Amino acid sequence: MREGVLKQMTLAVAPVMVPLLLKLLGATLRLTVSDPHRVLNAQGDRPLLLAFWHHRIVLMPWLYRRYFSGRLPARVMISASRDGQLITDIIRRFDIGTFRGSSSRHAVRALKEMARELRRAPMVLALTPDGPRGPAGRVQPGIIHLAAHTGLPIVPVSYRLSWQWRARSWDRLTVPLPFSRCALTIGEPLTVRIEDDVTAAAAELGRRLGR
């Protein structure tokens, strides 16, 4: 009974408190940005696929709001679970929508939904190519197929922190510590054609994402 009450309280409070804490944390970070291919300077109404490793998911909503705001509507693929609903409620505070899916039975449905929605209206789609279950740091084929069938470039996004805490989860989730130096990198966009080799394209995206 008590555990159920605590869980309900968490579900009610976290969507308000987590975005506030992220914004306060972000305000303390010492940021630098490397964008050699001038992605941030590109036309704001151009649809994109943004890719980042799952262990960097904590800071990404705040970084997106800071550097990509004012562009097309953004949506991200989130697991179809209770935890996924909590994440959905949190990132909505950063004006980011969601597709609900997973790496298993809902994945194909979610990817097809993404492609259909994109044909209706251009948007920025964000995915963790190794999530939600891993293996960590290994690009799964879903994002490659999506890029090939939509013609969208995949923009790799990464960052390094001078101070951080890492969870013992499968992805070694990274949580930045206050006043850390944060070096954000916008990598070279990757364009995938339908006739391209999926394995080779996945390996190249992994290389551009770094570690």
N, C-alpha and C. Protein backbone atom coordinates (compact mmCIF):
# COMPACT_ATOMS: atom_id res chain seq x y z
N MET A 1 0.82 -1.20 0.00
CA MET A 1 0.00 0.00 0.00
C MET A 1 0.86 1.26 0.00
N ARG A 2 1.84 1.29 0.92
CA ARG A 2 2.72 2.46 1.01
C ARG A 2 3.51 2.66 -0.28
N GLU A 3 4.02 1.54 -0.86
CA GLU A 3 4.78 1.64 -2.10
C GLU A 3 3.92 2.20 -3.23
N GLY A 4 2.65 1.78 -3.25
CA GLY A 4 1.74 2.29 -4.27
C GLY A 4 1.52 3.79 -4.14
N VAL A 5 1.38 4.27 -2.92
CA VAL A 5 1.18 5.70 -2.68
C VAL A 5 2.42 6.49 -3.09
N LEU A 6 3.61 5.97 -2.74
CA LEU A 6 4.86 6.66 -3.10
C LEU A 6 5.01 6.73 -4.62
N LYS A 7 4.64 5.64 -5.29
CA LYS A 7 4.75 5.63 -6.75
C LYS A 7 3.81 6.65 -7.37
N GLN A 8 2.59 6.74 -6.85
CA GLN A 8 1.64 7.72 -7.37
C GLN A 8 2.13 9.15 -7.12
N MET A 9 2.74 9.38 -5.96
CA MET A 9 3.27 10.70 -5.67
C MET A 9 4.41 11.05 -6.62
N THR A 10 5.26 10.05 -6.89
CA THR A 10 6.37 10.28 -7.82
C THR A 10 5.85 10.64 -9.20
N LEU A 11 4.85 9.89 -9.68
CA LEU A 11 4.29 10.14 -11.00
C LEU A 11 3.64 11.53 -11.08
N ALA A 12 3.14 12.01 -9.96
CA ALA A 12 2.49 13.32 -9.94
C ALA A 12 3.50 14.46 -9.83
N VAL A 13 4.55 14.27 -9.03
CA VAL A 13 5.49 15.35 -8.73
C VAL A 13 6.63 15.44 -9.76
N ALA A 14 7.13 14.30 -10.23
CA ALA A 14 8.31 14.30 -11.09
C ALA A 14 8.16 15.13 -12.36
N PRO A 15 7.01 15.09 -13.06
CA PRO A 15 6.89 15.90 -14.28
C PRO A 15 7.04 17.40 -14.05
N VAL A 16 6.84 17.84 -12.82
CA VAL A 16 7.02 19.27 -12.50
C VAL A 16 8.44 19.53 -11.98
N MET A 17 8.90 18.68 -11.07
CA MET A 17 10.17 18.93 -10.40
C MET A 17 11.37 18.64 -11.28
N VAL A 18 11.33 17.55 -12.05
CA VAL A 18 12.51 17.19 -12.86
C VAL A 18 12.85 18.28 -13.89
N PRO A 19 11.89 18.79 -14.67
CA PRO A 19 12.25 19.88 -15.58
C PRO A 19 12.81 21.10 -14.86
N LEU A 20 12.25 21.42 -13.70
CA LEU A 20 12.77 22.57 -12.94
C LEU A 20 14.21 22.32 -12.51
N LEU A 21 14.49 21.12 -12.01
CA LEU A 21 15.85 20.80 -11.59
C LEU A 21 16.82 20.80 -12.77
N LEU A 22 16.37 20.30 -13.92
CA LEU A 22 17.22 20.30 -15.12
C LEU A 22 17.56 21.73 -15.54
N LYS A 23 16.58 22.61 -15.48
CA LYS A 23 16.82 24.00 -15.86
C LYS A 23 17.79 24.67 -14.89
N LEU A 24 17.63 24.39 -13.59
CA LEU A 24 18.55 24.94 -12.61
C LEU A 24 19.96 24.38 -12.80
N LEU A 25 20.05 23.07 -13.05
CA LEU A 25 21.34 22.45 -13.30
C LEU A 25 21.99 23.03 -14.55
N GLY A 26 21.20 23.14 -15.62
CA GLY A 26 21.73 23.67 -16.87
C GLY A 26 22.30 25.08 -16.72
N ALA A 27 21.68 25.86 -15.86
CA ALA A 27 22.15 27.23 -15.66
C ALA A 27 23.54 27.28 -15.04
N THR A 28 23.97 26.20 -14.40
CA THR A 28 25.30 26.18 -13.76
C THR A 28 26.39 25.66 -14.70
N LEU A 29 26.01 25.03 -15.80
CA LEU A 29 27.00 24.38 -16.67
C LEU A 29 27.83 25.40 -17.44
N ARG A 30 29.09 25.06 -17.64
CA ARG A 30 29.98 25.89 -18.46
C ARG A 30 30.04 25.26 -19.84
N LEU A 31 29.29 25.84 -20.77
CA LEU A 31 29.03 25.21 -22.06
C LEU A 31 29.97 25.68 -23.15
N THR A 32 30.39 24.73 -23.99
CA THR A 32 31.04 25.04 -25.26
C THR A 32 30.36 24.22 -26.33
N VAL A 33 30.34 24.72 -27.55
CA VAL A 33 29.64 24.05 -28.63
C VAL A 33 30.57 23.90 -29.83
N SER A 34 30.66 22.68 -30.35
CA SER A 34 31.39 22.42 -31.59
C SER A 34 30.38 21.99 -32.65
N ASP A 35 30.26 22.80 -33.68
CA ASP A 35 29.29 22.53 -34.75
C ASP A 35 29.97 22.82 -36.10
N PRO A 36 31.00 22.02 -36.46
CA PRO A 36 31.79 22.32 -37.64
C PRO A 36 31.01 22.26 -38.95
N HIS A 37 29.91 21.55 -38.97
CA HIS A 37 29.12 21.43 -40.20
C HIS A 37 27.93 22.40 -40.20
N ARG A 38 27.90 23.29 -39.21
CA ARG A 38 26.94 24.40 -39.15
C ARG A 38 25.49 23.93 -39.20
N VAL A 39 25.22 22.85 -38.49
CA VAL A 39 23.86 22.34 -38.42
C VAL A 39 22.94 23.34 -37.74
N LEU A 40 23.42 23.96 -36.67
CA LEU A 40 22.60 24.91 -35.93
C LEU A 40 22.30 26.17 -36.73
N ASN A 41 23.11 26.43 -37.76
CA ASN A 41 22.89 27.60 -38.60
C ASN A 41 22.04 27.28 -39.83
N ALA A 42 21.69 26.01 -40.00
CA ALA A 42 20.94 25.61 -41.18
C ALA A 42 19.50 26.11 -41.09
N GLN A 43 18.80 26.00 -42.18
CA GLN A 43 17.43 26.47 -42.26
C GLN A 43 16.58 25.83 -41.17
N GLY A 44 15.85 26.63 -40.42
CA GLY A 44 15.12 26.15 -39.26
C GLY A 44 13.93 25.27 -39.55
N ASP A 45 13.43 25.27 -40.79
CA ASP A 45 12.26 24.46 -41.12
C ASP A 45 12.65 23.17 -41.83
N ARG A 46 13.91 22.77 -41.73
CA ARG A 46 14.36 21.54 -42.37
C ARG A 46 14.20 20.37 -41.41
N PRO A 47 13.45 19.33 -41.80
CA PRO A 47 13.29 18.17 -40.90
C PRO A 47 14.61 17.42 -40.73
N LEU A 48 14.79 16.84 -39.54
CA LEU A 48 16.03 16.16 -39.20
C LEU A 48 15.73 14.93 -38.36
N LEU A 49 16.69 14.00 -38.34
CA LEU A 49 16.74 12.95 -37.35
C LEU A 49 17.90 13.25 -36.42
N LEU A 50 17.64 13.43 -35.15
CA LEU A 50 18.71 13.64 -34.17
C LEU A 50 18.99 12.31 -33.47
N ALA A 51 20.26 11.95 -33.37
CA ALA A 51 20.65 10.69 -32.73
C ALA A 51 21.63 10.96 -31.59
N PHE A 52 21.41 10.31 -30.45
CA PHE A 52 22.34 10.41 -29.33
C PHE A 52 22.24 9.11 -28.53
N TRP A 53 23.36 8.74 -27.88
CA TRP A 53 23.37 7.51 -27.09
C TRP A 53 22.42 7.61 -25.91
N HIS A 54 21.89 6.47 -25.50
CA HIS A 54 20.89 6.42 -24.45
C HIS A 54 21.43 6.97 -23.11
N HIS A 55 22.71 6.78 -22.85
CA HIS A 55 23.23 7.23 -21.55
C HIS A 55 23.31 8.75 -21.44
N ARG A 56 23.10 9.47 -22.54
CA ARG A 56 23.12 10.93 -22.50
C ARG A 56 21.73 11.54 -22.51
N ILE A 57 20.73 10.73 -22.25
CA ILE A 57 19.35 11.19 -22.40
C ILE A 57 18.95 12.26 -21.37
N VAL A 58 19.59 12.26 -20.19
CA VAL A 58 19.17 13.16 -19.10
C VAL A 58 19.23 14.63 -19.51
N LEU A 59 20.31 15.04 -20.12
CA LEU A 59 20.52 16.46 -20.41
C LEU A 59 19.94 16.89 -21.76
N MET A 60 19.58 15.93 -22.60
CA MET A 60 19.20 16.26 -23.97
C MET A 60 17.96 17.16 -24.09
N PRO A 61 16.90 16.98 -23.29
CA PRO A 61 15.77 17.91 -23.43
C PRO A 61 16.16 19.36 -23.20
N TRP A 62 16.99 19.58 -22.20
CA TRP A 62 17.43 20.96 -21.90
C TRP A 62 18.32 21.50 -23.03
N LEU A 63 19.23 20.68 -23.52
CA LEU A 63 20.09 21.11 -24.62
C LEU A 63 19.28 21.38 -25.88
N TYR A 64 18.30 20.53 -26.13
CA TYR A 64 17.46 20.75 -27.31
C TYR A 64 16.73 22.09 -27.19
N ARG A 65 16.15 22.34 -26.04
CA ARG A 65 15.40 23.58 -25.83
C ARG A 65 16.33 24.79 -26.00
N ARG A 66 17.57 24.67 -25.58
CA ARG A 66 18.51 25.79 -25.64
C ARG A 66 19.02 26.05 -27.05
N TYR A 67 19.33 24.99 -27.81
CA TYR A 67 20.01 25.17 -29.09
C TYR A 67 19.16 24.90 -30.32
N PHE A 68 18.05 24.18 -30.19
CA PHE A 68 17.23 23.85 -31.35
C PHE A 68 15.84 24.46 -31.28
N SER A 69 15.56 25.23 -30.24
CA SER A 69 14.22 25.81 -30.11
C SER A 69 13.94 26.77 -31.26
N GLY A 70 12.66 26.90 -31.61
CA GLY A 70 12.27 27.76 -32.72
C GLY A 70 12.28 27.04 -34.05
N ARG A 71 12.69 25.76 -34.04
CA ARG A 71 12.66 24.98 -35.28
C ARG A 71 11.31 24.29 -35.40
N LEU A 72 11.29 23.24 -36.20
CA LEU A 72 10.08 22.46 -36.36
C LEU A 72 9.69 21.76 -35.05
N PRO A 73 8.43 21.31 -34.94
CA PRO A 73 8.05 20.53 -33.76
C PRO A 73 8.96 19.31 -33.59
N ALA A 74 9.26 18.98 -32.35
CA ALA A 74 10.16 17.86 -32.06
C ALA A 74 9.40 16.72 -31.40
N ARG A 75 9.77 15.50 -31.77
CA ARG A 75 9.20 14.31 -31.14
C ARG A 75 10.31 13.29 -30.94
N VAL A 76 10.13 12.47 -29.92
CA VAL A 76 11.15 11.48 -29.59
C VAL A 76 10.45 10.15 -29.35
N MET A 77 11.15 9.05 -29.65
CA MET A 77 10.59 7.71 -29.43
C MET A 77 10.85 7.29 -27.99
N ILE A 78 9.78 6.92 -27.28
CA ILE A 78 9.84 6.56 -25.87
C ILE A 78 9.20 5.19 -25.67
N SER A 79 9.75 4.41 -24.77
CA SER A 79 9.23 3.08 -24.48
C SER A 79 7.75 3.12 -24.08
N ALA A 80 6.98 2.13 -24.56
CA ALA A 80 5.56 2.03 -24.23
C ALA A 80 5.39 1.34 -22.88
N SER A 81 5.80 2.01 -21.81
CA SER A 81 5.76 1.45 -20.47
C SER A 81 5.38 2.57 -19.49
N ARG A 82 5.21 2.20 -18.21
CA ARG A 82 4.90 3.23 -17.21
C ARG A 82 6.05 4.22 -17.07
N ASP A 83 7.28 3.72 -17.10
CA ASP A 83 8.44 4.62 -17.05
C ASP A 83 8.45 5.53 -18.27
N GLY A 84 8.07 4.97 -19.43
CA GLY A 84 8.00 5.77 -20.64
C GLY A 84 6.98 6.88 -20.53
N GLN A 85 5.87 6.61 -19.85
CA GLN A 85 4.86 7.65 -19.65
C GLN A 85 5.39 8.77 -18.77
N LEU A 86 6.17 8.40 -17.76
CA LEU A 86 6.77 9.41 -16.89
C LEU A 86 7.72 10.30 -17.69
N ILE A 87 8.56 9.69 -18.54
CA ILE A 87 9.47 10.47 -19.37
C ILE A 87 8.69 11.37 -20.32
N THR A 88 7.60 10.83 -20.88
CA THR A 88 6.75 11.62 -21.78
C THR A 88 6.23 12.87 -21.08
N ASP A 89 5.76 12.71 -19.84
CA ASP A 89 5.22 13.84 -19.09
C ASP A 89 6.31 14.87 -18.76
N ILE A 90 7.54 14.38 -18.57
CA ILE A 90 8.65 15.29 -18.25
C ILE A 90 9.08 16.10 -19.47
N ILE A 91 9.31 15.43 -20.59
CA ILE A 91 9.85 16.15 -21.75
C ILE A 91 8.80 17.03 -22.42
N ARG A 92 7.53 16.77 -22.10
CA ARG A 92 6.49 17.66 -22.62
C ARG A 92 6.71 19.08 -22.12
N ARG A 93 7.32 19.21 -20.93
CA ARG A 93 7.62 20.53 -20.37
C ARG A 93 8.67 21.28 -21.17
N PHE A 94 9.38 20.55 -22.04
CA PHE A 94 10.38 21.18 -22.92
C PHE A 94 9.84 21.30 -24.35
N ASP A 95 8.51 21.18 -24.48
CA ASP A 95 7.84 21.28 -25.79
C ASP A 95 8.27 20.19 -26.75
N ILE A 96 8.51 18.99 -26.23
CA ILE A 96 8.89 17.85 -27.05
C ILE A 96 7.79 16.79 -26.95
N GLY A 97 7.28 16.35 -28.09
CA GLY A 97 6.27 15.32 -28.13
C GLY A 97 6.91 13.94 -28.20
N THR A 98 6.08 12.89 -28.25
CA THR A 98 6.61 11.53 -28.24
C THR A 98 5.87 10.62 -29.22
N PHE A 99 6.60 9.58 -29.63
CA PHE A 99 6.02 8.38 -30.21
C PHE A 99 6.24 7.29 -29.18
N ARG A 100 5.23 6.49 -28.88
CA ARG A 100 5.37 5.44 -27.89
C ARG A 100 5.70 4.12 -28.59
N GLY A 101 6.84 3.54 -28.25
CA GLY A 101 7.27 2.28 -28.85
C GLY A 101 8.36 1.67 -27.99
N SER A 102 9.02 0.62 -28.48
CA SER A 102 10.11 -0.01 -27.74
C SER A 102 10.99 -0.74 -28.73
N SER A 103 12.01 -1.43 -28.20
CA SER A 103 12.91 -2.16 -29.06
C SER A 103 12.35 -3.53 -29.44
N SER A 104 11.16 -3.87 -28.93
CA SER A 104 10.62 -5.20 -29.19
C SER A 104 9.35 -5.11 -30.03
N ARG A 105 8.20 -5.47 -29.44
CA ARG A 105 7.01 -5.65 -30.25
C ARG A 105 6.42 -4.36 -30.81
N HIS A 106 6.69 -3.22 -30.17
CA HIS A 106 6.11 -1.96 -30.65
C HIS A 106 7.04 -1.19 -31.58
N ALA A 107 8.25 -1.66 -31.79
CA ALA A 107 9.24 -0.87 -32.52
C ALA A 107 8.84 -0.61 -33.96
N VAL A 108 8.45 -1.65 -34.67
CA VAL A 108 8.08 -1.49 -36.08
C VAL A 108 6.89 -0.56 -36.21
N ARG A 109 5.89 -0.74 -35.33
CA ARG A 109 4.71 0.11 -35.37
C ARG A 109 5.08 1.58 -35.15
N ALA A 110 5.96 1.83 -34.18
CA ALA A 110 6.36 3.21 -33.88
C ALA A 110 7.13 3.83 -35.04
N LEU A 111 8.03 3.07 -35.65
CA LEU A 111 8.79 3.59 -36.78
C LEU A 111 7.89 3.89 -37.97
N LYS A 112 6.90 3.03 -38.22
CA LYS A 112 5.95 3.29 -39.30
C LYS A 112 5.12 4.53 -39.01
N GLU A 113 4.75 4.70 -37.73
CA GLU A 113 4.00 5.89 -37.35
C GLU A 113 4.82 7.14 -37.56
N MET A 114 6.13 7.07 -37.22
CA MET A 114 7.01 8.21 -37.46
C MET A 114 7.04 8.58 -38.94
N ALA A 115 7.21 7.58 -39.79
CA ALA A 115 7.28 7.84 -41.23
C ALA A 115 5.98 8.44 -41.74
N ARG A 116 4.83 7.94 -41.28
CA ARG A 116 3.54 8.48 -41.70
C ARG A 116 3.38 9.92 -41.26
N GLU A 117 3.73 10.19 -40.00
CA GLU A 117 3.60 11.55 -39.49
C GLU A 117 4.49 12.52 -40.24
N LEU A 118 5.67 12.06 -40.60
CA LEU A 118 6.60 12.93 -41.31
C LEU A 118 6.08 13.30 -42.69
N ARG A 119 5.37 12.36 -43.32
CA ARG A 119 4.79 12.66 -44.63
C ARG A 119 3.66 13.69 -44.50
N ARG A 120 3.02 13.72 -43.35
CA ARG A 120 1.93 14.68 -43.13
C ARG A 120 2.46 16.07 -42.81
N ALA A 121 3.50 16.12 -41.99
CA ALA A 121 4.05 17.41 -41.56
C ALA A 121 5.51 17.23 -41.18
N PRO A 122 6.41 18.10 -41.63
CA PRO A 122 7.82 17.98 -41.29
C PRO A 122 8.05 18.23 -39.81
N MET A 123 9.05 17.55 -39.25
CA MET A 123 9.36 17.68 -37.83
C MET A 123 10.80 17.25 -37.58
N VAL A 124 11.26 17.46 -36.36
CA VAL A 124 12.55 16.94 -35.91
C VAL A 124 12.26 15.69 -35.08
N LEU A 125 12.86 14.57 -35.47
CA LEU A 125 12.68 13.31 -34.76
C LEU A 125 13.96 12.97 -34.02
N ALA A 126 13.85 12.63 -32.75
CA ALA A 126 15.03 12.29 -31.95
C ALA A 126 14.94 10.84 -31.49
N LEU A 127 16.05 10.10 -31.65
CA LEU A 127 16.09 8.70 -31.25
C LEU A 127 17.40 8.38 -30.57
N THR A 128 17.35 7.39 -29.69
CA THR A 128 18.56 6.81 -29.10
C THR A 128 18.81 5.50 -29.84
N PRO A 129 19.77 5.43 -30.74
CA PRO A 129 19.94 4.25 -31.60
C PRO A 129 20.35 2.99 -30.87
N ASP A 130 20.75 3.09 -29.60
CA ASP A 130 21.08 1.89 -28.83
C ASP A 130 20.04 1.60 -27.75
N GLY A 131 18.95 2.35 -27.72
CA GLY A 131 17.96 2.17 -26.67
C GLY A 131 16.72 1.45 -27.16
N PRO A 132 15.80 1.11 -26.20
CA PRO A 132 15.92 1.39 -24.78
C PRO A 132 16.61 0.28 -23.97
N ARG A 133 17.07 -0.79 -24.62
CA ARG A 133 17.63 -1.90 -23.86
C ARG A 133 19.06 -2.27 -24.24
N GLY A 134 19.62 -1.64 -25.22
CA GLY A 134 20.99 -1.93 -25.60
C GLY A 134 21.11 -3.00 -26.67
N PRO A 135 22.31 -3.46 -26.88
CA PRO A 135 23.54 -3.18 -26.12
C PRO A 135 23.97 -1.71 -26.21
N ALA A 136 24.55 -1.23 -25.14
CA ALA A 136 24.97 0.17 -25.07
C ALA A 136 26.02 0.46 -26.12
N GLY A 137 25.86 1.60 -26.78
CA GLY A 137 26.85 2.04 -27.75
C GLY A 137 26.84 1.27 -29.06
N ARG A 138 25.76 0.55 -29.33
CA ARG A 138 25.65 -0.18 -30.60
C ARG A 138 24.40 0.28 -31.34
N VAL A 139 24.58 0.80 -32.54
CA VAL A 139 23.45 1.32 -33.31
C VAL A 139 22.58 0.17 -33.80
N GLN A 140 21.30 0.23 -33.46
CA GLN A 140 20.32 -0.73 -33.97
C GLN A 140 19.81 -0.26 -35.33
N PRO A 141 19.28 -1.19 -36.15
CA PRO A 141 18.96 -0.83 -37.54
C PRO A 141 17.77 0.09 -37.72
N GLY A 142 16.92 0.27 -36.68
CA GLY A 142 15.71 1.05 -36.87
C GLY A 142 15.94 2.45 -37.41
N ILE A 143 16.88 3.17 -36.82
CA ILE A 143 17.12 4.55 -37.26
C ILE A 143 17.70 4.59 -38.67
N ILE A 144 18.45 3.57 -39.04
CA ILE A 144 19.01 3.51 -40.40
C ILE A 144 17.89 3.31 -41.42
N HIS A 145 16.97 2.39 -41.14
CA HIS A 145 15.83 2.17 -42.04
C HIS A 145 14.97 3.42 -42.14
N LEU A 146 14.76 4.09 -41.01
CA LEU A 146 13.94 5.30 -41.02
C LEU A 146 14.58 6.39 -41.88
N ALA A 147 15.88 6.56 -41.74
CA ALA A 147 16.58 7.57 -42.53
C ALA A 147 16.52 7.23 -44.02
N ALA A 148 16.68 5.94 -44.35
CA ALA A 148 16.67 5.53 -45.76
C ALA A 148 15.30 5.75 -46.40
N HIS A 149 14.24 5.49 -45.66
CA HIS A 149 12.90 5.57 -46.24
C HIS A 149 12.29 6.97 -46.17
N THR A 150 12.86 7.85 -45.37
CA THR A 150 12.37 9.23 -45.31
C THR A 150 13.28 10.21 -46.04
N GLY A 151 14.53 9.81 -46.27
CA GLY A 151 15.49 10.71 -46.90
C GLY A 151 16.05 11.75 -45.96
N LEU A 152 15.77 11.63 -44.66
CA LEU A 152 16.26 12.62 -43.70
C LEU A 152 17.70 12.33 -43.30
N PRO A 153 18.51 13.38 -43.16
CA PRO A 153 19.85 13.17 -42.62
C PRO A 153 19.80 12.87 -41.13
N ILE A 154 20.71 12.02 -40.66
CA ILE A 154 20.84 11.74 -39.23
C ILE A 154 21.92 12.65 -38.67
N VAL A 155 21.57 13.47 -37.69
CA VAL A 155 22.52 14.39 -37.07
C VAL A 155 22.97 13.80 -35.73
N PRO A 156 24.23 13.36 -35.62
CA PRO A 156 24.71 12.82 -34.34
C PRO A 156 25.00 13.94 -33.34
N VAL A 157 24.50 13.77 -32.12
CA VAL A 157 24.66 14.77 -31.07
C VAL A 157 25.30 14.09 -29.85
N SER A 158 26.29 14.73 -29.29
CA SER A 158 26.98 14.15 -28.14
C SER A 158 27.47 15.27 -27.23
N TYR A 159 27.87 14.91 -26.03
CA TYR A 159 28.50 15.89 -25.15
C TYR A 159 29.40 15.16 -24.16
N ARG A 160 30.40 15.89 -23.67
CA ARG A 160 31.31 15.37 -22.64
C ARG A 160 31.25 16.28 -21.43
N LEU A 161 31.32 15.65 -20.26
CA LEU A 161 31.23 16.38 -19.00
C LEU A 161 32.51 16.23 -18.21
N SER A 162 32.90 17.29 -17.53
CA SER A 162 34.08 17.20 -16.67
C SER A 162 33.75 16.56 -15.33
N TRP A 163 32.51 16.76 -14.86
CA TRP A 163 32.05 16.16 -13.61
C TRP A 163 30.72 15.48 -13.87
N GLN A 164 30.60 14.24 -13.45
CA GLN A 164 29.37 13.51 -13.71
C GLN A 164 29.22 12.34 -12.74
N TRP A 165 27.98 11.87 -12.64
CA TRP A 165 27.68 10.65 -11.89
C TRP A 165 27.13 9.64 -12.88
N ARG A 166 27.55 8.37 -12.76
CA ARG A 166 27.09 7.35 -13.69
C ARG A 166 26.34 6.26 -12.93
N ALA A 167 25.16 5.94 -13.42
CA ALA A 167 24.34 4.91 -12.80
C ALA A 167 24.88 3.53 -13.13
N ARG A 168 24.39 2.52 -12.42
CA ARG A 168 24.78 1.14 -12.68
C ARG A 168 23.81 0.45 -13.63
N SER A 169 23.08 1.22 -14.40
CA SER A 169 22.13 0.69 -15.36
C SER A 169 22.87 0.12 -16.57
N TRP A 170 22.13 -0.56 -17.45
CA TRP A 170 22.75 -1.19 -18.62
C TRP A 170 23.51 -0.19 -19.49
N ASP A 171 23.04 1.06 -19.52
CA ASP A 171 23.67 2.06 -20.38
C ASP A 171 24.66 2.95 -19.64
N ARG A 172 24.82 2.71 -18.30
CA ARG A 172 25.67 3.58 -17.47
C ARG A 172 25.22 5.04 -17.62
N LEU A 173 23.95 5.25 -17.36
CA LEU A 173 23.33 6.56 -17.51
C LEU A 173 24.17 7.66 -16.86
N THR A 174 24.39 8.74 -17.59
CA THR A 174 25.23 9.84 -17.14
C THR A 174 24.38 10.99 -16.61
N VAL A 175 24.67 11.43 -15.40
CA VAL A 175 23.98 12.58 -14.82
C VAL A 175 25.01 13.67 -14.56
N PRO A 176 24.88 14.83 -15.20
CA PRO A 176 25.86 15.89 -14.98
C PRO A 176 25.78 16.45 -13.57
N LEU A 177 26.91 16.85 -13.04
CA LEU A 177 26.97 17.49 -11.73
C LEU A 177 27.03 19.01 -11.91
N PRO A 178 26.51 19.76 -10.95
CA PRO A 178 26.51 21.22 -11.07
C PRO A 178 27.91 21.78 -11.31
N PHE A 179 27.94 22.83 -12.16
CA PHE A 179 29.15 23.58 -12.49
C PHE A 179 30.16 22.76 -13.32
N SER A 180 29.68 21.66 -13.90
CA SER A 180 30.53 20.88 -14.79
C SER A 180 30.77 21.64 -16.10
N ARG A 181 31.90 21.37 -16.72
CA ARG A 181 32.12 21.81 -18.10
C ARG A 181 31.39 20.83 -19.01
N CYS A 182 30.62 21.35 -19.93
CA CYS A 182 29.86 20.52 -20.87
C CYS A 182 30.24 20.91 -22.29
N ALA A 183 30.88 19.98 -23.00
CA ALA A 183 31.31 20.23 -24.38
C ALA A 183 30.34 19.53 -25.33
N LEU A 184 29.45 20.29 -25.93
CA LEU A 184 28.45 19.76 -26.85
C LEU A 184 29.02 19.68 -28.25
N THR A 185 28.82 18.54 -28.90
CA THR A 185 29.30 18.34 -30.27
C THR A 185 28.14 17.97 -31.19
N ILE A 186 27.98 18.74 -32.25
CA ILE A 186 27.01 18.43 -33.30
C ILE A 186 27.82 17.83 -34.45
N GLY A 187 27.66 16.54 -34.68
CA GLY A 187 28.52 15.85 -35.64
C GLY A 187 28.08 16.01 -37.09
N GLU A 188 28.84 15.38 -37.96
CA GLU A 188 28.55 15.43 -39.39
C GLU A 188 27.29 14.64 -39.71
N PRO A 189 26.30 15.26 -40.36
CA PRO A 189 25.07 14.54 -40.71
C PRO A 189 25.35 13.34 -41.63
N LEU A 190 24.60 12.28 -41.42
CA LEU A 190 24.75 11.06 -42.21
C LEU A 190 23.49 10.86 -43.05
N THR A 191 23.68 10.78 -44.35
CA THR A 191 22.57 10.51 -45.27
C THR A 191 22.63 9.04 -45.69
N VAL A 192 21.49 8.36 -45.59
CA VAL A 192 21.42 6.94 -45.91
C VAL A 192 20.46 6.75 -47.08
N ARG A 193 20.90 6.02 -48.08
CA ARG A 193 20.04 5.67 -49.22
C ARG A 193 19.48 4.26 -49.03
N ILE A 194 18.37 3.99 -49.68
CA ILE A 194 17.73 2.68 -49.54
C ILE A 194 18.66 1.55 -49.95
N GLU A 195 19.50 1.81 -50.97
CA GLU A 195 20.39 0.75 -51.45
C GLU A 195 21.65 0.59 -50.61
N ASP A 196 21.86 1.44 -49.62
CA ASP A 196 23.07 1.35 -48.79
C ASP A 196 23.02 0.13 -47.87
N ASP A 197 24.19 -0.35 -47.49
CA ASP A 197 24.29 -1.47 -46.57
C ASP A 197 23.96 -0.99 -45.15
N VAL A 198 22.97 -1.63 -44.53
CA VAL A 198 22.49 -1.19 -43.22
C VAL A 198 23.57 -1.34 -42.15
N THR A 199 24.29 -2.45 -42.19
CA THR A 199 25.33 -2.69 -41.19
C THR A 199 26.43 -1.65 -41.28
N ALA A 200 26.85 -1.34 -42.50
CA ALA A 200 27.90 -0.35 -42.69
C ALA A 200 27.44 1.04 -42.26
N ALA A 201 26.18 1.38 -42.59
CA ALA A 201 25.65 2.69 -42.20
C ALA A 201 25.55 2.80 -40.68
N ALA A 202 25.13 1.72 -40.02
CA ALA A 202 25.04 1.72 -38.56
C ALA A 202 26.42 1.91 -37.93
N ALA A 203 27.42 1.23 -38.48
CA ALA A 203 28.78 1.36 -37.97
C ALA A 203 29.29 2.79 -38.14
N GLU A 204 28.96 3.41 -39.26
CA GLU A 204 29.41 4.79 -39.51
C GLU A 204 28.73 5.76 -38.56
N LEU A 205 27.43 5.56 -38.30
CA LEU A 205 26.74 6.42 -37.35
C LEU A 205 27.35 6.27 -35.95
N GLY A 206 27.66 5.03 -35.57
CA GLY A 206 28.30 4.81 -34.27
C GLY A 206 29.63 5.53 -34.17
N ARG A 207 30.39 5.52 -35.26
CA ARG A 207 31.68 6.22 -35.27
C ARG A 207 31.49 7.71 -35.08
N ARG A 208 30.49 8.28 -35.75
CA ARG A 208 30.25 9.71 -35.65
C ARG A 208 29.69 10.12 -34.29
N LEU A 209 29.01 9.20 -33.63
CA LEU A 209 28.49 9.49 -32.29
C LEU A 209 29.58 9.45 -31.22
N GLY A 210 30.63 8.69 -31.47
CA GLY A 210 31.70 8.57 -30.49
C GLY A 210 31.22 7.80 -29.27
N ARG A 211 31.85 8.05 -28.10
CA ARG A 211 31.50 7.34 -26.87
C ARG A 211 31.14 8.30 -25.75
